[in-house]
């Protein structure tokens, strides 16, 4: 079997994650957490992984 051209180019067709969109998502998640009762001081000391888990656990 031969490898077709479409399969060779597969990684090139995948969309690239953009850092600006990631920053925007984190900002929106911070807003949701502040509405849920987190203080600004708490959000400053959280990294992105902690923010994502807090959004998941809060159900916001």
C-alpha atoms as a PDB file:
ATOM      1  CA  UNK A   1       0.000   0.000   0.000  1.00  0.00           C
ATOM      2  CA  UNK A   2       1.206   3.451  -0.728  1.00  0.00           C
ATOM      3  CA  UNK A   3       0.931   6.483   1.503  1.00  0.00           C
ATOM      4  CA  UNK A   4      -1.341   9.001  -0.119  1.00  0.00           C
ATOM      5  CA  UNK A   5      -0.571  12.704  -0.305  1.00  0.00           C
ATOM      6  CA  UNK A   6      -3.475  13.608   1.966  1.00  0.00           C
ATOM      7  CA  UNK A   7      -2.060  11.469   4.770  1.00  0.00           C
ATOM      8  CA  UNK A   8       1.418  12.951   4.415  1.00  0.00           C
ATOM      9  CA  UNK A   9       0.045  16.467   4.778  1.00  0.00           C
ATOM     10  CA  UNK A  10      -2.219  15.708   7.740  1.00  0.00           C
ATOM     11  CA  UNK A  11      -0.302  17.669  10.424  1.00  0.00           C
ATOM     12  CA  UNK A  12      -0.275  20.689   8.133  1.00  0.00           C
ATOM     13  CA  UNK A  13      -4.062  20.663   7.861  1.00  0.00           C
ATOM     14  CA  UNK A  14      -4.659  20.773  11.610  1.00  0.00           C
ATOM     15  CA  UNK A  15      -5.590  24.194  13.003  1.00  0.00           C
ATOM     16  CA  UNK A  16      -2.944  25.851  15.156  1.00  0.00           C
ATOM     17  CA  UNK A  17      -3.921  26.973  18.642  1.00  0.00           C
ATOM     18  CA  UNK A  18      -3.406  30.689  18.944  1.00  0.00           C
ATOM     19  CA  UNK A  19      -2.047  32.228  22.173  1.00  0.00           C
ATOM     20  CA  UNK A  20      -4.328  35.258  21.924  1.00  0.00           C
ATOM     21  CA  UNK A  21      -7.420  33.054  21.993  1.00  0.00           C
ATOM     22  CA  UNK A  22      -6.045  31.147  24.969  1.00  0.00           C
ATOM     23  CA  UNK A  23      -5.514  34.400  26.896  1.00  0.00           C
ATOM     24  CA  UNK A  24      -9.062  35.417  26.038  1.00  0.00           C
ATOM     25  CA  UNK A  25     -10.469  32.106  27.305  1.00  0.00           C
ATOM     26  CA  UNK A  26      -8.551  32.446  30.577  1.00  0.00           C
ATOM     27  CA  UNK A  27      -9.818  36.008  30.999  1.00  0.00           C
ATOM     28  CA  UNK A  28     -13.415  34.859  30.479  1.00  0.00           C
ATOM     29  CA  UNK A  29     -12.912  32.050  32.993  1.00  0.00           C
ATOM     30  CA  UNK A  30     -11.519  34.532  35.525  1.00  0.00           C
ATOM     31  CA  UNK A  31     -14.608  36.697  35.046  1.00  0.00           C
ATOM     32  CA  UNK A  32     -16.861  33.714  35.644  1.00  0.00           C
ATOM     33  CA  UNK A  33     -14.975  32.808  38.823  1.00  0.00           C
ATOM     34  CA  UNK A  34     -15.150  36.377  40.128  1.00  0.00           C
ATOM     35  CA  UNK A  35     -18.923  36.300  39.594  1.00  0.00           C
ATOM     36  CA  UNK A  36     -19.034  32.979  41.457  1.00  0.00           C
ATOM     37  CA  UNK A  37     -17.439  34.558  44.535  1.00  0.00           C
ATOM     38  CA  UNK A  38     -13.660  34.414  44.070  1.00  0.00           C
ATOM     39  CA  UNK A  39     -11.799  37.565  45.079  1.00  0.00           C
ATOM     40  CA  UNK A  40      -9.342  39.390  42.831  1.00  0.00           C
ATOM     41  CA  UNK A  41      -6.531  38.469  45.234  1.00  0.00           C
ATOM     42  CA  UNK A  42      -7.335  34.764  44.912  1.00  0.00           C
ATOM     43  CA  UNK A  43      -7.396  34.967  41.123  1.00  0.00           C
ATOM     44  CA  UNK A  44      -4.006  36.702  40.999  1.00  0.00           C
ATOM     45  CA  UNK A  45      -2.336  33.802  42.797  1.00  0.00           C
ATOM     46  CA  UNK A  46      -3.927  31.084  40.624  1.00  0.00           C
ATOM     47  CA  UNK A  47      -2.228  29.697  37.540  1.00  0.00           C
ATOM     48  CA  UNK A  48      -4.139  28.675  34.415  1.00  0.00           C
ATOM     49  CA  UNK A  49      -4.403  25.019  35.446  1.00  0.00           C
ATOM     50  CA  UNK A  50      -5.936  25.965  38.794  1.00  0.00           C
ATOM     51  CA  UNK A  51      -8.351  28.347  37.067  1.00  0.00           C
ATOM     52  CA  UNK A  52      -9.551  25.612  34.704  1.00  0.00           C
ATOM     53  CA  UNK A  53     -10.098  23.137  37.535  1.00  0.00           C
ATOM     54  CA  UNK A  54     -11.954  25.765  39.576  1.00  0.00           C
ATOM     55  CA  UNK A  55     -14.270  26.490  36.653  1.00  0.00           C
ATOM     56  CA  UNK A  56     -14.955  22.781  36.325  1.00  0.00           C
ATOM     57  CA  UNK A  57     -15.640  22.231  40.025  1.00  0.00           C
ATOM     58  CA  UNK A  58     -17.766  25.356  40.430  1.00  0.00           C
ATOM     59  CA  UNK A  59     -19.879  24.426  37.432  1.00  0.00           C
ATOM     60  CA  UNK A  60     -19.755  27.998  36.162  1.00  0.00           C
END
